[in-house]
Amino acid sequence: MKIRAEQLQGHLKKPLLPVYVISGDEPLLAQECADALRIAARAQGFTERELFHFEGSPHTFDWNPVINESNSMSLFSDKKILEVRIPNSKPGDKGSKALAEICANPNPDNLLLVILSKLEKGAQNSKWMKTLEAAGAHIQVWPVDANQMPRWIGQRLKAANINANQEAVQILADRVEGNLLAAVQEIEKLKLLAPEGTLDGTTMSSVVTDSSRYNVFEFVDKILLGDAQSAARSLRGLENEGTEAIPLLWAITRELRILVKASELVASGEKADWALKKSGVWDKRMPLFRGALKRLRPAHLRMLLRQAGAIDRGIKGMRRNADVWDELATLVLSFAGSQTLQPSNIKVLLQN
């Protein structure tokens, strides 16, 4: 079965299905769905969690540990979530067979959670995806476009017990320009600053423009502009202010994915502006992305995306001795076009 992201909370009040799939290229919404599912699973006795991260070529994936865990019975220990992450959404032949095997004989002591990026049409109609959907539920996360943004922000404000009029909602939508993470951060700030939980246009304007010295969207804009020195300074400022590494990485990775997609379209013969628009870039941000696309070669962009994946594994504790903030600084400087960093230097991080 398929479940819309907004239906998930209601669904999770019922007994859970044995299999869940979350797919989409909006990291914040996908993460929120996964978090909600994990919380519900813990409440229903799935208190342990095993994480399997498959990245790179599907031919190199070893699915035996997943199959072995799925077959193990929990006589005395707690039930377990088996979380399988496939960033490229390509499990390969071995993975397809393994997933089919697990779905054919679901273990009541385990809950299978498969997290994928955006699915191409072929993957959506594939046999392995149909098998997963038949055994459980598929939550597809869709980007929030410009027309949907005010409604999405309005719902978020209401959930935060903030009563904002239409003008106030539109001002915030214009301010964040499609950046969901930025919208969530502004709403968290509004929960503290909104007088008696009510907001009009004038109050919203004064609050959202009174940002801290270092904020995430300005930080990302400096990267796209190629201002390596300012971007690095903002990164350290955000770190000193207590900003978590994961939202910064999400923001950087989101822009990288857009540029990678646009660069591929340009390589296939599309004009740069059309490629960027097709990749989801707002008109106001077109000059920023146009400059970054011109400055960064496709191979460099793909390497930066791999580097971001390595940092993500470090944040989640999947790499030993990972210095996340130093690695973020390396990613930021390289993304901003620092001449002191070349792709050959980054390979050390990817190999560790």
Protein backbone atom coordinates (compact mmCIF):
# COMPACT_ATOMS: atom_id res chain seq x y z
CA MET A 1 0.00 0.00 0.00
CA LYS A 2 0.97 3.64 -0.40
CA ILE A 3 0.64 6.28 2.30
CA ARG A 4 0.96 10.03 1.87
CA ALA A 5 3.39 11.68 4.27
CA GLU A 6 0.58 13.72 5.85
CA GLN A 7 -1.34 10.49 6.56
CA LEU A 8 1.53 8.83 8.39
CA GLN A 9 0.79 10.10 11.92
CA GLY A 10 -2.74 8.72 11.79
CA HIS A 11 -1.52 5.42 10.40
CA LEU A 12 1.08 5.02 13.15
CA LYS A 13 -1.64 4.94 15.83
CA LYS A 14 -2.58 1.48 14.55
CA PRO A 15 -0.54 -1.75 14.82
CA LEU A 16 2.47 -1.43 12.53
CA LEU A 17 2.98 -3.31 9.29
CA PRO A 18 6.07 -5.54 8.90
CA VAL A 19 7.62 -3.40 6.13
CA TYR A 20 7.92 0.34 5.48
CA VAL A 21 9.60 2.17 2.61
CA ILE A 22 10.37 5.90 2.66
CA SER A 23 11.48 7.49 -0.61
CA GLY A 24 12.02 11.02 -1.84
CA ASP A 25 14.63 13.74 -2.38
CA GLU A 26 13.48 16.15 0.34
CA PRO A 27 15.79 15.18 3.25
CA LEU A 28 13.93 17.05 5.98
CA LEU A 29 10.55 15.47 5.25
CA ALA A 30 12.06 12.01 4.76
CA GLN A 31 13.91 12.32 8.07
CA GLU A 32 10.74 13.42 9.87
CA CYS A 33 8.82 10.44 8.49
CA ALA A 34 11.59 8.06 9.56
CA ASP A 35 11.75 9.62 13.03
CA ALA A 36 7.98 9.33 13.48
CA LEU A 37 8.08 5.69 12.41
CA ARG A 38 10.95 4.86 14.80
CA ILE A 39 9.10 6.50 17.71
CA ALA A 40 5.94 4.54 16.95
CA ALA A 41 7.94 1.33 16.58
CA ARG A 42 9.62 1.84 19.95
CA ALA A 43 6.21 2.38 21.55
CA GLN A 44 5.15 -0.99 20.11
CA GLY A 45 8.17 -2.86 21.46
CA PHE A 46 10.76 -2.47 18.69
CA THR A 47 13.39 -1.01 20.99
CA GLU A 48 16.52 -2.26 19.20
CA ARG A 49 17.79 -1.06 15.82
CA GLU A 50 20.23 -2.44 13.27
CA LEU A 51 21.41 -0.10 10.53
CA PHE A 52 22.60 -1.26 7.09
CA HIS A 53 23.94 1.41 4.73
CA PHE A 54 24.43 0.40 1.09
CA GLU A 55 26.26 2.97 -1.02
CA GLY A 56 28.14 2.61 -4.30
CA SER A 57 27.77 -0.22 -6.78
CA PRO A 58 24.95 -2.70 -6.01
CA HIS A 59 27.26 -5.53 -7.10
CA THR A 60 29.42 -4.97 -4.02
CA PHE A 61 26.57 -5.08 -1.49
CA ASP A 62 26.59 -7.96 0.99
CA TRP A 63 22.98 -8.69 1.89
CA ASN A 64 23.71 -11.76 4.03
CA PRO A 65 23.81 -9.80 7.33
CA VAL A 66 20.37 -8.33 6.56
CA ILE A 67 18.92 -11.76 5.76
CA ASN A 68 20.52 -13.32 8.85
CA GLU A 69 19.13 -10.59 11.12
CA SER A 70 15.69 -10.89 9.55
CA ASN A 71 15.64 -14.62 10.27
CA SER A 72 16.88 -14.41 13.86
CA MET A 73 14.19 -14.89 16.50
CA SER A 74 14.03 -12.78 19.64
CA LEU A 75 13.37 -15.23 22.48
CA PHE A 76 14.41 -12.97 25.34
CA SER A 77 15.63 -9.71 23.78
CA ASP A 78 13.48 -6.86 22.49
CA LYS A 79 12.07 -6.66 19.00
CA LYS A 80 14.20 -4.92 16.39
CA ILE A 81 14.05 -2.38 13.55
CA LEU A 82 16.12 -3.42 10.54
CA GLU A 83 16.88 -0.12 8.80
CA VAL A 84 18.24 -0.43 5.27
CA ARG A 85 19.46 2.73 3.54
CA ILE A 86 20.10 2.75 -0.21
CA PRO A 87 20.96 6.34 -1.26
CA ASN A 88 20.96 5.57 -4.98
CA SER A 89 17.70 3.54 -4.74
CA LYS A 90 19.30 0.65 -6.63
CA PRO A 91 19.44 -2.57 -4.59
CA GLY A 92 20.65 -4.61 -7.59
CA ASP A 93 19.75 -8.24 -8.30
CA LYS A 94 21.04 -9.52 -4.95
CA GLY A 95 19.23 -6.85 -3.03
CA SER A 96 15.99 -7.39 -4.94
CA LYS A 97 16.10 -11.10 -4.12
CA ALA A 98 17.00 -10.45 -0.49
CA LEU A 99 14.12 -8.00 -0.04
CA ALA A 100 11.72 -10.43 -1.70
CA GLU A 101 12.91 -13.21 0.62
CA ILE A 102 12.39 -11.06 3.72
CA CYS A 103 8.92 -9.98 2.56
CA ALA A 104 7.90 -13.55 1.76
CA ASN A 105 8.55 -14.66 5.36
CA PRO A 106 8.18 -11.61 7.61
CA ASN A 107 9.59 -12.08 11.10
CA PRO A 108 7.17 -10.74 13.76
CA ASP A 109 10.17 -9.79 15.91
CA ASN A 110 11.53 -7.45 13.21
CA LEU A 111 10.32 -4.38 11.37
CA LEU A 112 11.98 -3.67 8.03
CA LEU A 113 12.49 0.04 7.23
CA VAL A 114 13.94 0.79 3.77
CA ILE A 115 15.01 4.39 3.11
CA LEU A 116 15.60 5.44 -0.50
CA SER A 117 16.21 8.64 -2.42
CA LYS A 118 13.88 9.78 -5.19
CA LEU A 119 12.64 6.84 -7.25
CA GLU A 120 12.75 6.96 -11.02
CA LYS A 121 9.70 5.66 -12.88
CA GLY A 122 11.39 2.34 -13.62
CA ALA A 123 12.15 1.76 -9.95
CA GLN A 124 8.59 2.67 -8.93
CA ASN A 125 7.25 -0.02 -11.23
CA SER A 126 9.95 -2.59 -10.45
CA LYS A 127 9.15 -6.02 -9.05
CA TRP A 128 11.14 -5.44 -5.87
CA MET A 129 9.27 -2.21 -5.10
CA LYS A 130 5.90 -3.85 -5.76
CA THR A 131 6.93 -6.65 -3.40
CA LEU A 132 7.79 -4.17 -0.63
CA GLU A 133 4.52 -2.27 -1.11
CA ALA A 134 2.52 -5.50 -1.02
CA ALA A 135 4.15 -6.53 2.26
CA GLY A 136 3.81 -3.15 3.96
CA ALA A 137 3.57 0.55 3.18
CA HIS A 138 5.41 3.00 0.95
CA ILE A 139 5.63 6.64 2.03
CA GLN A 140 6.64 8.83 -0.91
CA VAL A 141 7.98 12.24 0.10
CA TRP A 142 7.36 14.92 -2.50
CA PRO A 143 9.08 18.34 -2.71
CA VAL A 144 6.98 21.33 -1.68
CA ASP A 145 6.75 23.66 -4.69
CA ALA A 146 6.28 27.42 -4.67
CA ASN A 147 2.48 27.21 -4.86
CA GLN A 148 2.27 24.73 -1.99
CA MET A 149 4.77 26.50 0.27
CA PRO A 150 2.36 28.96 1.99
CA ARG A 151 -0.09 26.15 2.80
CA TRP A 152 2.76 23.97 4.14
CA ILE A 153 4.06 26.82 6.29
CA GLY A 154 0.54 27.58 7.52
CA GLN A 155 0.12 23.98 8.67
CA ARG A 156 3.49 24.07 10.44
CA LEU A 157 2.62 27.31 12.20
CA LYS A 158 -0.73 25.90 13.31
CA ALA A 159 0.98 22.78 14.67
CA ALA A 160 3.30 25.10 16.63
CA ASN A 161 0.23 26.88 18.10
CA ILE A 162 1.03 30.09 16.20
CA ASN A 163 -1.91 31.95 14.68
CA ALA A 164 -0.60 33.78 11.60
CA ASN A 165 -2.66 35.63 9.01
CA GLN A 166 -2.25 35.09 5.27
CA GLU A 167 0.09 38.05 4.86
CA ALA A 168 2.41 36.77 7.59
CA VAL A 169 2.48 33.29 6.06
CA GLN A 170 3.33 34.69 2.63
CA ILE A 171 6.15 36.82 4.05
CA LEU A 172 7.75 33.76 5.63
CA ALA A 173 7.28 31.75 2.40
CA ASP A 174 9.05 34.48 0.42
CA ARG A 175 11.83 34.68 3.00
CA VAL A 176 12.78 30.99 2.90
CA GLU A 177 12.39 30.63 -0.91
CA GLY A 178 11.52 26.94 -0.88
CA ASN A 179 14.05 25.90 1.77
CA LEU A 180 12.04 23.67 4.14
CA LEU A 181 14.82 23.44 6.68
CA ALA A 182 15.03 27.23 6.81
CA ALA A 183 11.24 27.43 7.29
CA VAL A 184 11.36 24.99 10.19
CA GLN A 185 14.17 26.95 11.83
CA GLU A 186 12.24 30.22 11.50
CA ILE A 187 9.12 28.61 12.99
CA GLU A 188 11.14 27.34 15.96
CA LYS A 189 12.35 30.90 16.48
CA LEU A 190 8.80 32.25 16.16
CA LYS A 191 7.65 29.92 18.93
CA LEU A 192 9.89 31.93 21.25
CA LEU A 193 9.37 35.39 19.80
CA ALA A 194 5.74 35.48 18.65
CA PRO A 195 3.69 37.61 21.08
CA GLU A 196 0.93 35.47 22.60
CA GLY A 197 1.19 33.06 19.67
CA THR A 198 -0.30 35.51 17.13
CA LEU A 199 1.40 37.07 14.11
CA ASP A 200 0.46 39.64 11.51
CA GLY A 201 2.50 40.75 8.51
CA THR A 202 4.29 43.56 10.35
CA THR A 203 5.37 41.33 13.23
CA MET A 204 6.44 38.54 10.89
CA SER A 205 8.60 40.96 8.87
CA SER A 206 10.38 42.23 11.96
CA VAL A 207 10.98 38.74 13.33
CA VAL A 208 12.19 36.94 10.22
CA THR A 209 14.57 39.72 9.21
CA ASP A 210 16.06 39.84 12.71
CA SER A 211 18.18 36.77 12.04
CA SER A 212 21.26 35.76 13.96
CA ARG A 213 24.63 36.78 12.55
CA TYR A 214 25.19 33.33 11.15
CA ASN A 215 22.19 31.57 9.63
CA VAL A 216 21.93 28.54 7.43
CA PHE A 217 20.55 30.13 4.27
CA GLU A 218 23.06 32.92 4.15
CA PHE A 219 25.76 30.34 4.81
CA VAL A 220 24.65 28.24 1.83
CA ASP A 221 24.36 31.33 -0.38
CA LYS A 222 27.99 32.20 0.37
CA ILE A 223 29.01 28.72 -0.77
CA LEU A 224 27.05 29.05 -4.01
CA LEU A 225 28.56 32.50 -4.59
CA GLY A 226 32.03 30.99 -4.32
CA ASP A 227 32.97 33.13 -1.31
CA ALA A 228 35.07 30.46 0.41
CA GLN A 229 36.45 32.69 3.15
CA SER A 230 33.06 34.01 4.26
CA ALA A 231 31.49 30.57 4.01
CA ALA A 232 34.19 29.05 6.22
CA ARG A 233 33.78 31.89 8.72
CA SER A 234 30.01 31.34 8.81
CA LEU A 235 30.51 27.62 9.34
CA ARG A 236 32.63 28.26 12.42
CA GLY A 237 30.11 30.82 13.62
CA LEU A 238 27.26 28.32 13.30
CA GLU A 239 29.32 25.72 15.14
CA ASN A 240 30.06 28.17 17.96
CA GLU A 241 26.37 29.07 18.22
CA GLY A 242 25.58 25.41 18.88
CA THR A 243 24.08 24.55 15.48
CA GLU A 244 23.96 20.79 14.87
CA ALA A 245 26.03 19.43 12.00
CA ILE A 246 23.22 17.40 10.40
CA PRO A 247 20.97 20.33 9.32
CA LEU A 248 23.98 22.08 7.80
CA LEU A 249 24.86 18.93 5.87
CA TRP A 250 21.24 18.59 4.72
CA ALA A 251 21.26 22.15 3.40
CA ILE A 252 24.56 21.64 1.56
CA THR A 253 23.54 18.24 0.17
CA ARG A 254 20.22 19.60 -1.10
CA GLU A 255 21.97 22.21 -3.21
CA LEU A 256 24.56 19.71 -4.39
CA ARG A 257 21.88 17.33 -5.62
CA ILE A 258 20.24 20.13 -7.56
CA LEU A 259 23.56 21.06 -9.19
CA VAL A 260 24.41 17.43 -10.01
CA LYS A 261 21.01 16.96 -11.67
CA ALA A 262 21.32 20.25 -13.57
CA SER A 263 24.87 19.44 -14.70
CA GLU A 264 23.65 16.12 -16.10
CA LEU A 265 20.88 17.90 -18.01
CA VAL A 266 23.38 20.42 -19.39
CA ALA A 267 25.65 17.56 -20.46
CA SER A 268 22.71 16.05 -22.35
CA GLY A 269 22.23 19.28 -24.30
CA GLU A 270 19.87 21.40 -22.16
CA LYS A 271 20.46 25.12 -21.65
CA ALA A 272 21.77 25.97 -18.17
CA ASP A 273 18.78 28.08 -17.03
CA TRP A 274 16.26 25.51 -18.22
CA ALA A 275 18.25 22.71 -16.58
CA LEU A 276 18.29 24.60 -13.27
CA LYS A 277 14.58 25.38 -13.46
CA LYS A 278 13.81 21.77 -14.26
CA SER A 279 15.92 20.78 -11.23
CA GLY A 280 13.76 22.89 -8.92
CA VAL A 281 15.64 26.20 -8.64
CA TRP A 282 13.49 29.24 -7.84
CA ASP A 283 13.80 32.28 -10.11
CA LYS A 284 15.22 34.43 -7.30
CA ARG A 285 18.03 31.93 -6.73
CA MET A 286 18.82 31.35 -10.38
CA PRO A 287 21.88 33.67 -10.48
CA LEU A 288 23.45 31.88 -7.49
CA PHE A 289 23.02 28.43 -9.02
CA ARG A 290 23.99 29.62 -12.49
CA GLY A 291 27.32 30.85 -11.15
CA ALA A 292 27.96 27.65 -9.18
CA LEU A 293 27.06 25.50 -12.18
CA LYS A 294 29.49 27.44 -14.33
CA ARG A 295 32.25 27.25 -11.70
CA LEU A 296 32.02 23.56 -10.77
CA ARG A 297 32.56 20.68 -13.16
CA PRO A 298 30.17 17.68 -13.08
CA ALA A 299 32.88 15.30 -11.82
CA HIS A 300 33.72 17.70 -8.99
CA LEU A 301 30.03 17.98 -8.02
CA ARG A 302 29.66 14.21 -7.90
CA MET A 303 32.76 13.94 -5.73
CA LEU A 304 31.37 16.59 -3.37
CA LEU A 305 28.15 14.60 -3.09
CA ARG A 306 30.15 11.48 -2.20
CA GLN A 307 32.07 13.53 0.33
CA ALA A 308 28.79 14.68 1.89
CA GLY A 309 27.74 11.03 2.13
CA ALA A 310 30.96 10.19 3.97
CA ILE A 311 30.35 13.04 6.43
CA ASP A 312 26.78 11.80 6.97
CA ARG A 313 28.15 8.38 7.93
CA GLY A 314 30.57 10.10 10.32
CA ILE A 315 27.73 12.00 11.99
CA LYS A 316 25.80 8.75 12.44
CA GLY A 317 28.83 7.04 14.00
CA MET A 318 29.49 4.73 11.06
CA ARG A 319 33.09 5.91 10.64
CA ARG A 320 35.62 5.83 13.44
CA ASN A 321 37.62 8.91 14.40
CA ALA A 322 35.56 11.14 12.09
CA ASP A 323 36.14 14.85 12.76
CA VAL A 324 32.81 16.02 11.38
CA TRP A 325 33.37 19.78 11.64
CA ASP A 326 36.79 19.65 9.99
CA GLU A 327 35.35 17.50 7.22
CA LEU A 328 32.45 19.92 6.81
CA ALA A 329 34.98 22.75 6.47
CA THR A 330 36.78 20.80 3.74
CA LEU A 331 33.47 20.20 1.93
CA VAL A 332 32.47 23.87 2.22
CA LEU A 333 35.80 25.18 0.94
CA SER A 334 35.82 22.78 -1.98
CA PHE A 335 32.18 23.51 -2.85
CA ALA A 336 32.92 27.25 -2.71
CA GLY A 337 35.78 26.75 -5.16
CA SER A 338 38.81 27.21 -2.92
CA GLN A 339 41.95 26.89 -5.03
CA THR A 340 43.81 25.37 -2.07
CA LEU A 341 41.65 22.26 -2.21
CA GLN A 342 41.69 19.94 -5.19
CA PRO A 343 39.60 16.78 -5.70
CA SER A 344 42.71 14.63 -5.18
CA ASN A 345 42.95 15.88 -1.59
CA ILE A 346 39.38 14.87 -0.84
CA LYS A 347 39.97 11.22 -1.80
CA VAL A 348 41.62 10.66 1.57
CA LEU A 349 38.28 11.34 3.29
CA LEU A 350 36.36 9.09 0.90
CA GLN A 351 38.81 6.22 1.42
CA ASN A 352 38.59 6.32 5.23
